[in-house]
Protein backbone atom coordinates (compact mmCIF):
# COMPACT_ATOMS: atom_id res chain seq x y z
CA UNK A 1 -0.12 -0.15 0.07
CA UNK A 2 1.33 3.49 -0.80
CA UNK A 3 1.05 7.06 0.58
CA UNK A 4 -1.09 9.79 -1.09
CA UNK A 5 1.82 11.04 -2.69
CA UNK A 6 3.20 7.73 -4.03
CA UNK A 7 -0.17 6.85 -5.46
CA UNK A 8 -0.04 10.75 -7.54
CA UNK A 9 3.55 10.05 -8.22
CA UNK A 10 2.41 6.54 -10.11
CA UNK A 11 -0.38 8.39 -11.63
CA UNK A 12 1.79 11.28 -13.08
CA UNK A 13 4.48 8.96 -14.17
CA UNK A 14 1.89 7.02 -16.35
CA UNK A 15 0.40 9.97 -17.47
CA UNK A 16 4.00 11.18 -18.44
CA UNK A 17 5.00 8.15 -20.30
CA UNK A 18 1.50 8.12 -22.26
CA UNK A 19 2.36 11.86 -23.75
CA UNK A 20 5.97 11.13 -24.39
CA UNK A 21 4.95 8.17 -26.53
CA UNK A 22 2.51 10.45 -28.66
CA UNK A 23 5.79 12.38 -30.03
CA UNK A 24 9.22 11.30 -31.84
CA UNK A 25 12.33 11.80 -30.65
CA UNK A 26 14.67 14.51 -31.73
CA UNK A 27 12.14 16.50 -33.96
CA UNK A 28 12.55 20.25 -34.52
CA UNK A 29 9.42 21.75 -33.85
CA UNK A 30 8.09 24.28 -36.84
CA UNK A 31 8.24 28.00 -35.80
CA UNK A 32 4.96 29.71 -37.03
CA UNK A 33 7.16 33.12 -36.83
CA UNK A 34 9.51 32.27 -39.34
CA UNK A 35 10.55 35.13 -41.47
CA UNK A 36 8.24 35.61 -44.58
CA UNK A 37 5.32 33.72 -43.05
CA UNK A 38 3.38 36.90 -42.80
CA UNK A 39 1.96 36.12 -39.28
CA UNK A 40 3.40 37.12 -36.14
CA UNK A 41 2.44 35.45 -32.91
CA UNK A 42 3.26 36.97 -29.60
CA UNK A 43 4.48 34.32 -26.76
CA UNK A 44 4.48 30.50 -27.65
CA UNK A 45 4.76 30.08 -31.48
CA UNK A 46 6.16 26.41 -31.98
CA UNK A 47 3.90 23.97 -33.80
CA UNK A 48 3.59 20.38 -32.45
CA UNK A 49 3.91 17.56 -35.06
CA UNK A 50 0.39 16.09 -36.39
CA UNK A 51 -0.81 13.29 -34.81
CA UNK A 52 -2.38 10.33 -36.98
CA UNK A 53 -5.59 8.78 -35.88
CA UNK A 54 -4.62 6.41 -33.46
CA UNK A 55 -2.52 8.81 -31.39
CA UNK A 56 -5.20 11.61 -31.60
CA UNK A 57 -7.62 8.95 -30.00
CA UNK A 58 -4.73 8.10 -27.48
CA UNK A 59 -4.35 12.02 -26.87
CA UNK A 60 -7.93 12.34 -26.07
CA UNK A 61 -7.89 9.78 -23.23
CA UNK A 62 -4.41 11.07 -22.10
CA UNK A 63 -6.30 14.48 -21.65
CA UNK A 64 -8.89 12.94 -19.56
CA UNK A 65 -6.88 11.52 -17.14
CA UNK A 66 -4.31 14.53 -16.93
CA UNK A 67 -7.70 16.53 -16.13
CA UNK A 68 -8.78 13.89 -13.04
CA UNK A 69 -5.02 14.14 -11.69
CA UNK A 70 -5.05 17.93 -11.89
CA UNK A 71 -8.56 18.01 -10.15
CA UNK A 72 -6.91 16.16 -7.33
CA UNK A 73 -3.80 18.45 -7.18
CA UNK A 74 -6.22 21.10 -7.20
CA UNK A 75 -8.19 20.03 -4.17
CA UNK A 76 -4.95 18.97 -2.00
CA UNK A 77 -3.43 22.54 -2.51
CA UNK A 78 -6.14 24.97 -2.88
CA UNK A 79 -5.33 26.54 0.29
CA UNK A 80 -1.82 26.93 0.07
CA UNK A 81 -0.09 30.55 -0.49
CA UNK A 82 -0.58 32.44 -3.64
CA UNK A 83 2.82 31.51 -4.91
CA UNK A 84 2.23 27.81 -4.54
CA UNK A 85 -1.02 28.24 -6.62
CA UNK A 86 1.11 29.92 -9.28
CA UNK A 87 3.45 27.22 -9.54
CA UNK A 88 0.35 24.94 -10.05
CA UNK A 89 -1.08 27.26 -12.61
CA UNK A 90 2.15 27.46 -14.69
CA UNK A 91 2.45 23.63 -14.81
CA UNK A 92 -1.01 22.94 -15.63
CA UNK A 93 -0.89 25.36 -18.57
CA UNK A 94 2.51 23.61 -20.06
CA UNK A 95 0.85 20.24 -19.81
CA UNK A 96 -2.49 21.62 -21.24
CA UNK A 97 -0.89 22.98 -24.11
CA UNK A 98 0.82 19.34 -25.06
CA UNK A 99 -2.51 17.81 -24.86
CA UNK A 100 -4.80 20.38 -26.44
CA UNK A 101 -1.69 20.31 -29.18
CA UNK A 102 -1.61 24.22 -28.85
CA UNK A 103 1.26 26.14 -29.68
CA UNK A 104 4.45 25.59 -27.20
CA UNK A 105 7.72 27.36 -26.10
CA UNK A 106 9.74 24.11 -26.82
CA UNK A 107 12.21 23.66 -29.56
CA UNK A 108 11.91 20.23 -30.16
CA UNK A 109 10.32 16.90 -29.01
CA UNK A 110 13.13 16.20 -26.83
CA UNK A 111 12.87 19.67 -25.04
CA UNK A 112 8.82 19.22 -25.09
CA UNK A 113 9.25 15.38 -23.16
CA UNK A 114 11.82 17.10 -20.62
CA UNK A 115 9.46 19.85 -20.10
CA UNK A 116 6.57 17.69 -19.52
CA UNK A 117 8.43 15.52 -16.79
CA UNK A 118 9.60 18.81 -15.27
CA UNK A 119 5.76 20.16 -15.04
CA UNK A 120 4.78 17.08 -13.30
CA UNK A 121 7.68 17.09 -10.79
CA UNK A 122 7.07 20.48 -9.83
CA UNK A 123 3.25 19.23 -9.18
CA UNK A 124 4.29 16.46 -7.32
CA UNK A 125 6.67 18.65 -5.14
CA UNK A 126 3.87 21.05 -4.18
CA UNK A 127 1.78 18.01 -2.78
CA UNK A 128 5.38 16.79 -1.04
CA UNK A 129 5.56 20.00 0.21
CA UNK A 130 2.34 19.54 2.16
CA UNK A 131 2.43 19.70 6.16
CA UNK A 132 1.84 16.19 7.85
CA UNK A 133 2.10 15.41 11.40
CA UNK A 134 1.16 12.09 11.42
CA UNK A 135 3.46 10.96 8.77
CA UNK A 136 3.39 7.19 8.19
CA UNK A 137 0.41 6.38 9.51
CA UNK A 138 -2.19 4.14 7.95
CA UNK A 139 -5.78 5.76 7.72
CA UNK A 140 -8.74 3.78 6.78
CA UNK A 141 -11.95 5.88 6.25
CA UNK A 142 -15.12 3.68 6.13
CA UNK A 143 -18.40 4.09 4.77
CA UNK A 144 -21.50 3.35 6.77
CA UNK A 145 -22.20 0.00 5.29
CA UNK A 146 -18.57 -1.11 6.19
CA UNK A 147 -19.03 -0.14 9.70
CA UNK A 148 -22.35 -1.80 9.92
CA UNK A 149 -20.68 -5.13 8.37
CA UNK A 150 -18.50 -5.19 11.25
CA UNK A 151 -20.09 -3.00 14.10
CA UNK A 152 -17.24 -4.05 16.48
CA UNK A 153 -14.66 -1.29 15.97
CA UNK A 154 -12.33 -3.81 18.19
CA UNK A 155 -12.41 -6.69 15.81
CA UNK A 156 -11.23 -4.53 13.00
CA UNK A 157 -8.06 -5.78 11.52
CA UNK A 158 -6.25 -6.74 8.02
CA UNK A 159 -3.54 -9.52 7.71
CA UNK A 160 -1.52 -7.14 5.43
CA UNK A 161 -2.08 -4.16 7.32
CA UNK A 162 -0.02 -3.83 10.96
CA UNK A 163 -1.23 -0.66 12.99
CA UNK A 164 -4.11 1.78 11.54
CA UNK A 165 -6.63 4.46 12.65
CA UNK A 166 -10.16 4.62 11.32
CA UNK A 167 -11.23 7.93 10.52
CA UNK A 168 -14.90 8.34 10.94
CA UNK A 169 -16.13 11.34 8.69
CA UNK A 170 -19.25 13.63 9.34
CA UNK A 171 -21.63 12.52 6.87
CA UNK A 172 -20.91 8.54 8.44
CA UNK A 173 -21.55 9.58 11.57
CA UNK A 174 -25.02 11.31 10.97
CA UNK A 175 -26.25 8.59 8.98
CA UNK A 176 -25.44 6.20 11.70
CA UNK A 177 -27.54 8.45 14.10
CA UNK A 178 -30.49 8.63 11.58
CA UNK A 179 -30.26 4.36 11.27
CA UNK A 180 -30.19 4.00 15.10
CA UNK A 181 -33.96 5.19 15.22
CA UNK A 182 -35.31 5.56 11.69
CA UNK A 183 -34.33 2.29 9.76
CA UNK A 184 -36.94 -0.32 8.93
CA UNK A 185 -35.19 -2.95 9.94
CA UNK A 186 -34.38 -3.79 13.73
CA UNK A 187 -30.95 -5.35 13.04
CA UNK A 188 -29.97 -2.34 11.30
CA UNK A 189 -31.15 -0.38 14.09
CA UNK A 190 -29.10 -2.39 16.65
CA UNK A 191 -25.93 -2.18 14.79
CA UNK A 192 -25.91 1.56 14.65
CA UNK A 193 -26.79 1.82 17.95
CA UNK A 194 -24.23 -0.37 19.08
CA UNK A 195 -21.70 1.78 16.69
CA UNK A 196 -22.87 5.08 18.62
CA UNK A 197 -22.51 3.39 21.83
CA UNK A 198 -18.97 2.19 21.24
CA UNK A 199 -18.20 5.75 20.15
CA UNK A 200 -19.30 7.34 23.45
CA UNK A 201 -17.60 4.60 25.10
CA UNK A 202 -14.20 5.70 23.55
CA UNK A 203 -14.66 9.38 24.08
CA UNK A 204 -14.01 8.51 27.72
CA UNK A 205 -10.38 7.62 26.83
CA UNK A 206 -9.69 10.84 24.99
CA UNK A 207 -11.47 13.50 22.15
CA UNK A 208 -12.32 11.85 19.40
CA UNK A 209 -11.28 14.63 17.26
CA UNK A 210 -7.57 13.84 18.50
CA UNK A 211 -7.80 10.07 18.20
CA UNK A 212 -8.17 7.39 21.00
CA UNK A 213 -6.99 3.89 21.28
CA UNK A 214 -9.08 1.26 20.51
CA UNK A 215 -6.74 -1.68 20.46
CA UNK A 216 -3.28 -1.08 21.77
CA UNK A 217 -0.40 -0.79 19.11
CA UNK A 218 -3.06 -1.79 16.62
CA UNK A 219 -5.96 0.29 16.05
CA UNK A 220 -6.92 4.08 16.84
CA UNK A 221 -9.92 6.02 15.80
CA UNK A 222 -10.67 9.50 15.28
CA UNK A 223 -13.80 11.27 14.30
CA UNK A 224 -13.94 14.60 12.10
CA UNK A 225 -15.84 17.12 13.33
CA UNK A 226 -16.08 19.51 10.25
CA UNK A 227 -17.74 18.82 6.92
CA UNK A 228 -16.05 18.88 3.81
CA UNK A 229 -16.14 21.97 1.63
CA UNK A 230 -17.20 20.81 -1.71
CA UNK A 231 -16.37 24.09 -3.32
CA UNK A 232 -13.00 23.35 -2.45
CA UNK A 233 -12.96 19.53 -3.68
CA UNK A 234 -13.47 17.89 -6.89
CA UNK A 235 -15.55 19.86 -9.32
CA UNK A 236 -17.87 16.63 -10.15
CA UNK A 237 -18.91 15.98 -6.65
CA UNK A 238 -22.61 16.66 -5.69
CA UNK A 239 -23.03 17.92 -2.06
CA UNK A 240 -26.32 16.38 -2.05
CA UNK A 241 -25.21 12.91 -2.65
CA UNK A 242 -23.78 10.99 0.50
CA UNK A 243 -21.28 8.96 -1.51
CA UNK A 244 -19.87 12.20 -2.97
CA UNK A 245 -19.46 13.64 0.47
CA UNK A 246 -17.76 10.96 1.94
CA UNK A 247 -15.24 11.28 -1.29
CA UNK A 248 -14.87 14.98 -0.37
CA UNK A 249 -13.77 14.00 3.42
CA UNK A 250 -11.47 11.14 1.99
CA UNK A 251 -9.71 14.32 -0.08
CA UNK A 252 -9.61 16.75 3.27
CA UNK A 253 -7.87 13.51 4.87
CA UNK A 254 -5.38 13.20 1.62
CA UNK A 255 -5.06 17.09 1.69
CA UNK A 256 -3.93 16.93 5.75
CA UNK A 257 -1.78 13.65 5.42
CA UNK A 258 -0.17 13.43 2.13
CA UNK A 259 2.36 11.05 3.53
CA UNK A 260 0.23 8.67 5.12
CA UNK A 261 -1.56 5.63 3.66
CA UNK A 262 -5.17 6.80 3.07
CA UNK A 263 -7.82 4.18 2.19
CA UNK A 264 -11.72 4.16 1.43
CA UNK A 265 -13.36 1.07 3.22
CA UNK A 266 -16.45 0.30 1.02
CA UNK A 267 -17.92 -2.80 -0.27
CA UNK A 268 -20.28 -0.39 -2.33
CA UNK A 269 -19.40 -1.00 -5.88
CA UNK A 270 -20.93 2.32 -7.08
CA UNK A 271 -18.93 4.15 -4.46
CA UNK A 272 -15.67 1.89 -5.59
CA UNK A 273 -16.07 3.28 -8.90
CA UNK A 274 -16.52 6.78 -7.92
CA UNK A 275 -13.26 6.55 -5.54
CA UNK A 276 -11.21 5.05 -8.73
CA UNK A 277 -12.35 7.83 -10.81
CA UNK A 278 -11.07 10.54 -7.93
CA UNK A 279 -8.06 8.53 -7.79
CA UNK A 280 -8.86 7.60 -4.20
CA UNK A 281 -7.63 4.10 -2.89
CA UNK A 282 -10.33 1.58 -1.36
CA UNK A 283 -10.45 -1.77 -0.24
CA UNK A 284 -13.19 -4.20 0.95
CA UNK A 285 -14.25 -3.98 4.74
CA UNK A 286 -12.30 -6.27 6.89
CA UNK A 287 -13.84 -10.28 7.07
CA UNK A 288 -14.60 -12.37 9.93
CA UNK A 289 -11.64 -13.77 11.70
C-alpha cells in the first residue's frame, strides 16, 4: 500500500509516459513566426507535429486522465499561498498545451518531453511539501455499510496491515445517528446503536477529534468534526449525494496527510467506481477472523 503522494507519483508517471509516446524523439518543431510567414504570434509559437488518428484517440484518453489528476492536485493545494498556486497554474498550462496541441515554447520534441517531466515534478513537489504531522500512519475511512458489516471496531484488522487509524467522517456519523432510530430493519437499528455506544465509550479515553486508542498497538479511532467544503473539492462531486460527501472527506484527509496511507473502506461497487475515478484508493471491509 502506498501513501497519497506515492499514488499521485504513480499516476503522474503513467501520464508522462503516455504523453511522451505520442511524439517521436529529436524532431525540431516548426516556428510559425519564421521570416516570410506573414503572421506574428506573441508568446509560444512552436507547433507540435501532427498526430495520426490512433495517436489522436490516445491523446484524448491522456487528456481525460490529466484532467482527473489535476483536479486532485488542485483539491489538495487549494489553501496554499498564491506563490504555490502560481506554480500549479504554470505547470498545468504547460501540460494542457501539449495535450491540446496548442503552440508551445519548446524547440524540439526532446525539449517537450523534458518539459512535461519537469512540470509533473513541480506538481508532485507541491504535494510533497504539504505539512503532515502524522507521517507514516495508515488511515482507513469506512463508509456506513462497512461499519455496519463489522459493528465492533475492536475486531477490525487486516492480515496485511499492521497498526492503523479508523477515521470517521461527519456524513457517516450523521447517517448512523439516523439509522439507529429510523431504519425499518431492527437489526440495522441495533448495529447502528451499538456503533454509537462504542463511540461514546471510546470518548471516555480522550477527545475523538484527536484520536483515541481502541486496541493497543493496533487500532486507533478519530472522528472528523468538520464537514468537507465541496466548493474546494473535486468539481464533479454533488453535495447532495452522501457517497460524494464521503469522497470529499477523503480528499480532506488526503490533503492533511499526504505522506500517510489513506484508504476508503467500502464494499459498495458504485462508491468504489467513484473512488477509482477520483484517484482515491479503496479496499473491502475486513472479513471475520
